[in-house]
């Protein structure tokens, strides 16, 4: 099985999207949506905007802030 988006209904009746790897592992999941169309729009948006999206690594900022805080003490 290739990578795939999966739309499913949760216990609250909301539509959610999860992205699954070929081995079946869930890589990420969305928030709940009231309609299936909204869940499909999420998939379309990820496919359209994902390839050019920036990667923001907040762990570097947090680490630098902790180091700066330790130096002041």
PDB file of N, CA and C in Angstrom:
ATOM      1  N   UNK A   1       0.844  -1.184   0.000  1.00  0.00           N
ATOM      2  CA  UNK A   1       0.000   0.000   0.000  1.00  0.00           C
ATOM      3  C   UNK A   1       0.891   1.249   0.000  1.00  0.00           C
ATOM      4  N   UNK A   2       0.640   2.218  -0.856  1.00  0.00           N
ATOM      5  CA  UNK A   2       1.424   3.462  -0.879  1.00  0.00           C
ATOM      6  C   UNK A   2       0.979   4.408   0.251  1.00  0.00           C
ATOM      7  N   UNK A   3       1.678   5.515   0.393  1.00  0.00           N
ATOM      8  CA  UNK A   3       1.235   6.546   1.329  1.00  0.00           C
ATOM      9  C   UNK A   3      -0.192   6.915   0.968  1.00  0.00           C
ATOM     10  N   UNK A   4      -1.010   7.238   1.980  1.00  0.00           N
ATOM     11  CA  UNK A   4      -2.408   7.523   1.685  1.00  0.00           C
ATOM     12  C   UNK A   4      -3.030   8.440   2.726  1.00  0.00           C
ATOM     13  N   UNK A   5      -3.967   9.266   2.264  1.00  0.00           N
ATOM     14  CA  UNK A   5      -4.828  10.028   3.155  1.00  0.00           C
ATOM     15  C   UNK A   5      -6.047   9.162   3.419  1.00  0.00           C
ATOM     16  N   UNK A   6      -6.489   9.145   4.652  1.00  0.00           N
ATOM     17  CA  UNK A   6      -7.662   8.360   5.021  1.00  0.00           C
ATOM     18  C   UNK A   6      -8.648   9.283   5.721  1.00  0.00           C
ATOM     19  N   UNK A   7      -9.876   9.336   5.223  1.00  0.00           N
ATOM     20  CA  UNK A   7     -10.941  10.103   5.860  1.00  0.00           C
ATOM     21  C   UNK A   7     -11.768   9.129   6.674  1.00  0.00           C
ATOM     22  N   UNK A   8     -12.010   9.488   7.925  1.00  0.00           N
ATOM     23  CA  UNK A   8     -12.828   8.621   8.782  1.00  0.00           C
ATOM     24  C   UNK A   8     -13.679   9.475   9.712  1.00  0.00           C
ATOM     25  N   UNK A   9     -14.686   8.867  10.289  1.00  0.00           N
ATOM     26  CA  UNK A   9     -15.545   9.536  11.249  1.00  0.00           C
ATOM     27  C   UNK A   9     -15.137   9.117  12.648  1.00  0.00           C
ATOM     28  N   UNK A  10     -14.971  10.101  13.533  1.00  0.00           N
ATOM     29  CA  UNK A  10     -14.597   9.781  14.905  1.00  0.00           C
ATOM     30  C   UNK A  10     -15.840   9.484  15.743  1.00  0.00           C
ATOM     31  N   UNK A  11     -15.639   9.214  17.016  1.00  0.00           N
ATOM     32  CA  UNK A  11     -16.759   8.866  17.902  1.00  0.00           C
ATOM     33  C   UNK A  11     -17.768   9.995  18.064  1.00  0.00           C
ATOM     34  N   UNK A  12     -17.311  11.226  17.907  1.00  0.00           N
ATOM     35  CA  UNK A  12     -18.200  12.388  18.028  1.00  0.00           C
ATOM     36  C   UNK A  12     -18.947  12.672  16.732  1.00  0.00           C
ATOM     37  N   UNK A  13     -18.679  11.887  15.685  1.00  0.00           N
ATOM     38  CA  UNK A  13     -19.355  12.079  14.408  1.00  0.00           C
ATOM     39  C   UNK A  13     -18.685  13.087  13.496  1.00  0.00           C
ATOM     40  N   UNK A  14     -17.481  13.533  13.872  1.00  0.00           N
ATOM     41  CA  UNK A  14     -16.764  14.485  13.025  1.00  0.00           C
ATOM     42  C   UNK A  14     -15.873  13.737  12.036  1.00  0.00           C
ATOM     43  N   UNK A  15     -15.621  14.374  10.897  1.00  0.00           N
ATOM     44  CA  UNK A  15     -14.746  13.798   9.886  1.00  0.00           C
ATOM     45  C   UNK A  15     -13.317  14.218  10.183  1.00  0.00           C
ATOM     46  N   UNK A  16     -12.412  13.273  10.116  1.00  0.00           N
ATOM     47  CA  UNK A  16     -10.995  13.539  10.350  1.00  0.00           C
ATOM     48  C   UNK A  16     -10.187  12.925   9.211  1.00  0.00           C
ATOM     49  N   UNK A  17      -8.985  13.445   9.045  1.00  0.00           N
ATOM     50  CA  UNK A  17      -8.072  12.949   8.018  1.00  0.00           C
ATOM     51  C   UNK A  17      -6.810  12.472   8.718  1.00  0.00           C
ATOM     52  N   UNK A  18      -6.331  11.309   8.334  1.00  0.00           N
ATOM     53  CA  UNK A  18      -5.015  10.869   8.798  1.00  0.00           C
ATOM     54  C   UNK A  18      -4.191  10.478   7.585  1.00  0.00           C
ATOM     55  N   UNK A  19      -2.886  10.675   7.726  1.00  0.00           N
ATOM     56  CA  UNK A  19      -1.956  10.343   6.663  1.00  0.00           C
ATOM     57  C   UNK A  19      -1.199   9.113   7.113  1.00  0.00           C
ATOM     58  N   UNK A  20      -1.218   8.087   6.287  1.00  0.00           N
ATOM     59  CA  UNK A  20      -0.631   6.808   6.678  1.00  0.00           C
ATOM     60  C   UNK A  20       0.523   6.421   5.757  1.00  0.00           C
ATOM     61  N   UNK A  21       1.541   5.832   6.359  1.00  0.00           N
ATOM     62  CA  UNK A  21       2.705   5.327   5.626  1.00  0.00           C
ATOM     63  C   UNK A  21       2.369   3.971   5.017  1.00  0.00           C
ATOM     64  N   UNK A  22       3.183   3.510   4.080  1.00  0.00           N
ATOM     65  CA  UNK A  22       2.928   2.202   3.457  1.00  0.00           C
ATOM     66  C   UNK A  22       2.841   1.031   4.452  1.00  0.00           C
ATOM     67  N   UNK A  23       3.518   1.159   5.600  1.00  0.00           N
ATOM     68  CA  UNK A  23       3.455   0.082   6.589  1.00  0.00           C
ATOM     69  C   UNK A  23       2.229   0.188   7.503  1.00  0.00           C
ATOM     70  N   UNK A  24       1.365   1.171   7.237  1.00  0.00           N
ATOM     71  CA  UNK A  24       0.139   1.348   8.015  1.00  0.00           C
ATOM     72  C   UNK A  24       0.277   2.299   9.186  1.00  0.00           C
ATOM     73  N   UNK A  25       1.502   2.774   9.443  1.00  0.00           N
ATOM     74  CA  UNK A  25       1.728   3.692  10.562  1.00  0.00           C
ATOM     75  C   UNK A  25       1.064   5.040  10.301  1.00  0.00           C
ATOM     76  N   UNK A  26       0.370   5.571  11.312  1.00  0.00           N
ATOM     77  CA  UNK A  26      -0.259   6.885  11.200  1.00  0.00           C
ATOM     78  C   UNK A  26       0.821   7.938  11.384  1.00  0.00           C
ATOM     79  N   UNK A  27       1.007   8.802  10.385  1.00  0.00           N
ATOM     80  CA  UNK A  27       2.054   9.812  10.445  1.00  0.00           C
ATOM     81  C   UNK A  27       1.535  11.118  11.039  1.00  0.00           C
ATOM     82  N   UNK A  28       0.314  11.504  10.698  1.00  0.00           N
ATOM     83  CA  UNK A  28      -0.325  12.645  11.339  1.00  0.00           C
ATOM     84  C   UNK A  28      -1.826  12.559  11.148  1.00  0.00           C
ATOM     85  N   UNK A  29      -2.550  13.299  11.988  1.00  0.00           N
ATOM     86  CA  UNK A  29      -4.010  13.312  11.922  1.00  0.00           C
ATOM     87  C   UNK A  29      -4.492  14.747  12.077  1.00  0.00           C
ATOM     88  N   UNK A  30      -5.657  15.019  11.536  1.00  0.00           N
ATOM     89  CA  UNK A  30      -6.217  16.361  11.552  1.00  0.00           C
ATOM     90  C   UNK A  30      -7.154  16.566  12.742  1.00  0.00           C
ATOM     91  N   UNK A  31      -7.598  17.789  12.856  1.00  0.00           N
ATOM     92  CA  UNK A  31      -8.680  18.104  13.778  1.00  0.00           C
ATOM     93  C   UNK A  31      -9.982  17.562  13.186  1.00  0.00           C
ATOM     94  N   UNK A  32     -11.070  17.650  13.915  1.00  0.00           N
ATOM     95  CA  UNK A  32     -12.355  17.184  13.410  1.00  0.00           C
ATOM     96  C   UNK A  32     -13.040  18.242  12.570  1.00  0.00           C
ATOM     97  N   UNK A  33     -13.739  17.802  11.539  1.00  0.00           N
ATOM     98  CA  UNK A  33     -14.500  18.692  10.654  1.00  0.00           C
ATOM     99  C   UNK A  33     -15.955  18.257  10.636  1.00  0.00           C
ATOM    100  N   UNK A  34     -16.857  19.221  10.512  1.00  0.00           N
ATOM    101  CA  UNK A  34     -18.285  18.935  10.511  1.00  0.00           C
ATOM    102  C   UNK A  34     -18.728  18.227   9.233  1.00  0.00           C
ATOM    103  N   UNK A  35     -18.012  18.465   8.133  1.00  0.00           N
ATOM    104  CA  UNK A  35     -18.433  17.863   6.865  1.00  0.00           C
ATOM    105  C   UNK A  35     -17.286  17.116   6.190  1.00  0.00           C
ATOM    106  N   UNK A  36     -17.658  16.157   5.391  1.00  0.00           N
ATOM    107  CA  UNK A  36     -16.671  15.390   4.625  1.00  0.00           C
ATOM    108  C   UNK A  36     -15.991  16.296   3.594  1.00  0.00           C
ATOM    109  N   UNK A  37     -16.751  17.255   3.062  1.00  0.00           N
ATOM    110  CA  UNK A  37     -16.195  18.195   2.082  1.00  0.00           C
ATOM    111  C   UNK A  37     -15.053  19.006   2.702  1.00  0.00           C
ATOM    112  N   UNK A  38     -15.212  19.402   3.960  1.00  0.00           N
ATOM    113  CA  UNK A  38     -14.158  20.157   4.636  1.00  0.00           C
ATOM    114  C   UNK A  38     -12.912  19.292   4.812  1.00  0.00           C
ATOM    115  N   UNK A  39     -13.094  18.024   5.123  1.00  0.00           N
ATOM    116  CA  UNK A  39     -11.960  17.104   5.253  1.00  0.00           C
ATOM    117  C   UNK A  39     -11.258  16.944   3.903  1.00  0.00           C
ATOM    118  N   UNK A  40     -12.031  16.844   2.844  1.00  0.00           N
ATOM    119  CA  UNK A  40     -11.445  16.753   1.499  1.00  0.00           C
ATOM    120  C   UNK A  40     -10.688  18.030   1.146  1.00  0.00           C
ATOM    121  N   UNK A  41     -11.211  19.183   1.579  1.00  0.00           N
ATOM    122  CA  UNK A  41     -10.521  20.451   1.314  1.00  0.00           C
ATOM    123  C   UNK A  41      -9.171  20.496   2.017  1.00  0.00           C
ATOM    124  N   UNK A  42      -9.086  19.908   3.199  1.00  0.00           N
ATOM    125  CA  UNK A  42      -7.804  19.826   3.897  1.00  0.00           C
ATOM    126  C   UNK A  42      -6.796  19.055   3.049  1.00  0.00           C
ATOM    127  N   UNK A  43      -7.206  17.915   2.535  1.00  0.00           N
ATOM    128  CA  UNK A  43      -6.316  17.101   1.705  1.00  0.00           C
ATOM    129  C   UNK A  43      -5.845  17.895   0.487  1.00  0.00           C
ATOM    130  N   UNK A  44      -6.774  18.569  -0.174  1.00  0.00           N
ATOM    131  CA  UNK A  44      -6.415  19.370  -1.350  1.00  0.00           C
ATOM    132  C   UNK A  44      -5.417  20.461  -0.977  1.00  0.00           C
ATOM    133  N   UNK A  45      -5.614  21.097   0.180  1.00  0.00           N
ATOM    134  CA  UNK A  45      -4.722  22.156   0.621  1.00  0.00           C
ATOM    135  C   UNK A  45      -3.318  21.622   0.919  1.00  0.00           C
ATOM    136  N   UNK A  46      -3.236  20.479   1.583  1.00  0.00           N
ATOM    137  CA  UNK A  46      -1.930  19.881   1.891  1.00  0.00           C
ATOM    138  C   UNK A  46      -1.204  19.510   0.601  1.00  0.00           C
ATOM    139  N   UNK A  47      -1.917  18.924  -0.344  1.00  0.00           N
ATOM    140  CA  UNK A  47      -1.294  18.545  -1.612  1.00  0.00           C
ATOM    141  C   UNK A  47      -0.813  19.766  -2.387  1.00  0.00           C
ATOM    142  N   UNK A  48      -1.579  20.852  -2.338  1.00  0.00           N
ATOM    143  CA  UNK A  48      -1.229  22.060  -3.072  1.00  0.00           C
ATOM    144  C   UNK A  48      -0.121  22.850  -2.381  1.00  0.00           C
ATOM    145  N   UNK A  49      -0.242  23.041  -1.071  1.00  0.00           N
ATOM    146  CA  UNK A  49       0.663  23.933  -0.346  1.00  0.00           C
ATOM    147  C   UNK A  49       1.816  23.233   0.359  1.00  0.00           C
ATOM    148  N   UNK A  50       1.700  21.949   0.580  1.00  0.00           N
ATOM    149  CA  UNK A  50       2.714  21.213   1.321  1.00  0.00           C
ATOM    150  C   UNK A  50       4.097  21.200   0.714  1.00  0.00           C
ATOM    151  N   UNK A  51       4.225  20.954  -0.585  1.00  0.00           N
ATOM    152  CA  UNK A  51       5.577  20.852  -1.161  1.00  0.00           C
ATOM    153  C   UNK A  51       6.445  22.101  -0.987  1.00  0.00           C
ATOM    154  N   UNK A  52       5.841  23.269  -0.940  1.00  0.00           N
ATOM    155  CA  UNK A  52       6.618  24.501  -0.802  1.00  0.00           C
ATOM    156  C   UNK A  52       6.628  25.065   0.605  1.00  0.00           C
ATOM    157  N   UNK A  53       6.054  24.335   1.554  1.00  0.00           N
ATOM    158  CA  UNK A  53       5.941  24.852   2.918  1.00  0.00           C
ATOM    159  C   UNK A  53       7.299  24.900   3.615  1.00  0.00           C
ATOM    160  N   UNK A  54       7.464  25.912   4.442  1.00  0.00           N
ATOM    161  CA  UNK A  54       8.693  26.064   5.228  1.00  0.00           C
ATOM    162  C   UNK A  54       8.693  25.066   6.377  1.00  0.00           C
ATOM    163  N   UNK A  55       9.881  24.710   6.832  1.00  0.00           N
ATOM    164  CA  UNK A  55      10.036  23.882   8.022  1.00  0.00           C
ATOM    165  C   UNK A  55      10.490  24.812   9.139  1.00  0.00           C
ATOM    166  N   UNK A  56       9.698  24.889  10.194  1.00  0.00           N
ATOM    167  CA  UNK A  56      10.021  25.759  11.322  1.00  0.00           C
ATOM    168  C   UNK A  56      10.396  24.872  12.497  1.00  0.00           C
ATOM    169  N   UNK A  57      11.653  24.930  12.896  1.00  0.00           N
ATOM    170  CA  UNK A  57      12.154  24.102  13.983  1.00  0.00           C
ATOM    171  C   UNK A  57      12.206  24.936  15.257  1.00  0.00           C
ATOM    172  N   UNK A  58      11.187  24.819  16.083  1.00  0.00           N
ATOM    173  CA  UNK A  58      11.130  25.608  17.307  1.00  0.00           C
ATOM    174  C   UNK A  58      12.033  25.051  18.397  1.00  0.00           C
ATOM    175  N   UNK A  59      12.564  23.854  18.210  1.00  0.00           N
ATOM    176  CA  UNK A  59      13.439  23.289  19.235  1.00  0.00           C
ATOM    177  C   UNK A  59      14.742  24.061  19.339  1.00  0.00           C
ATOM    178  N   UNK A  60      15.219  24.622  18.248  1.00  0.00           N
ATOM    179  CA  UNK A  60      16.444  25.419  18.284  1.00  0.00           C
ATOM    180  C   UNK A  60      16.217  26.687  19.094  1.00  0.00           C
ATOM    181  N   UNK A  61      15.072  27.321  18.929  1.00  0.00           N
ATOM    182  CA  UNK A  61      14.740  28.541  19.653  1.00  0.00           C
ATOM    183  C   UNK A  61      14.625  28.254  21.140  1.00  0.00           C
ATOM    184  N   UNK A  62      13.954  27.183  21.483  1.00  0.00           N
ATOM    185  CA  UNK A  62      13.774  26.830  22.885  1.00  0.00           C
ATOM    186  C   UNK A  62      15.123  26.538  23.532  1.00  0.00           C
ATOM    187  N   UNK A  63      15.959  25.787  22.853  1.00  0.00           N
ATOM    188  CA  UNK A  63      17.275  25.437  23.388  1.00  0.00           C
ATOM    189  C   UNK A  63      18.109  26.697  23.580  1.00  0.00           C
ATOM    190  N   UNK A  64      18.111  27.587  22.609  1.00  0.00           N
ATOM    191  CA  UNK A  64      18.888  28.806  22.704  1.00  0.00           C
ATOM    192  C   UNK A  64      18.384  29.675  23.859  1.00  0.00           C
ATOM    193  N   UNK A  65      17.080  29.715  24.046  1.00  0.00           N
ATOM    194  CA  UNK A  65      16.511  30.507  25.135  1.00  0.00           C
ATOM    195  C   UNK A  65      16.923  29.921  26.484  1.00  0.00           C
ATOM    196  N   UNK A  66      16.955  28.607  26.619  1.00  0.00           N
ATOM    197  CA  UNK A  66      17.366  27.969  27.869  1.00  0.00           C
ATOM    198  C   UNK A  66      18.839  28.239  28.159  1.00  0.00           C
ATOM    199  N   UNK A  67      19.674  28.204  27.130  1.00  0.00           N
ATOM    200  CA  UNK A  67      21.103  28.462  27.307  1.00  0.00           C
ATOM    201  C   UNK A  67      21.304  29.909  27.752  1.00  0.00           C
ATOM    202  N   UNK A  68      20.604  30.837  27.122  1.00  0.00           N
ATOM    203  CA  UNK A  68      20.710  32.246  27.479  1.00  0.00           C
ATOM    204  C   UNK A  68      20.253  32.470  28.915  1.00  0.00           C
ATOM    205  N   UNK A  69      19.218  31.791  29.319  1.00  0.00           N
ATOM    206  CA  UNK A  69      18.681  31.922  30.662  1.00  0.00           C
ATOM    207  C   UNK A  69      19.693  31.407  31.699  1.00  0.00           C
ATOM    208  N   UNK A  70      20.370  30.295  31.390  1.00  0.00           N
ATOM    209  CA  UNK A  70      21.362  29.713  32.285  1.00  0.00           C
ATOM    210  C   UNK A  70      22.565  30.661  32.429  1.00  0.00           C
ATOM    211  N   UNK A  71      22.953  31.326  31.349  1.00  0.00           N
ATOM    212  CA  UNK A  71      24.110  32.229  31.390  1.00  0.00           C
ATOM    213  C   UNK A  71      23.836  33.433  32.304  1.00  0.00           C
ATOM    214  N   UNK A  72      22.575  33.894  32.349  1.00  0.00           N
ATOM    215  CA  UNK A  72      22.205  35.029  33.188  1.00  0.00           C
ATOM    216  C   UNK A  72      22.257  34.656  34.654  1.00  0.00           C
ATOM    217  N   UNK A  73      21.982  33.406  34.975  1.00  0.00           N
ATOM    218  CA  UNK A  73      21.914  32.967  36.391  1.00  0.00           C
ATOM    219  C   UNK A  73      23.250  32.864  37.056  1.00  0.00           C
TER     220      UNK A  73
END
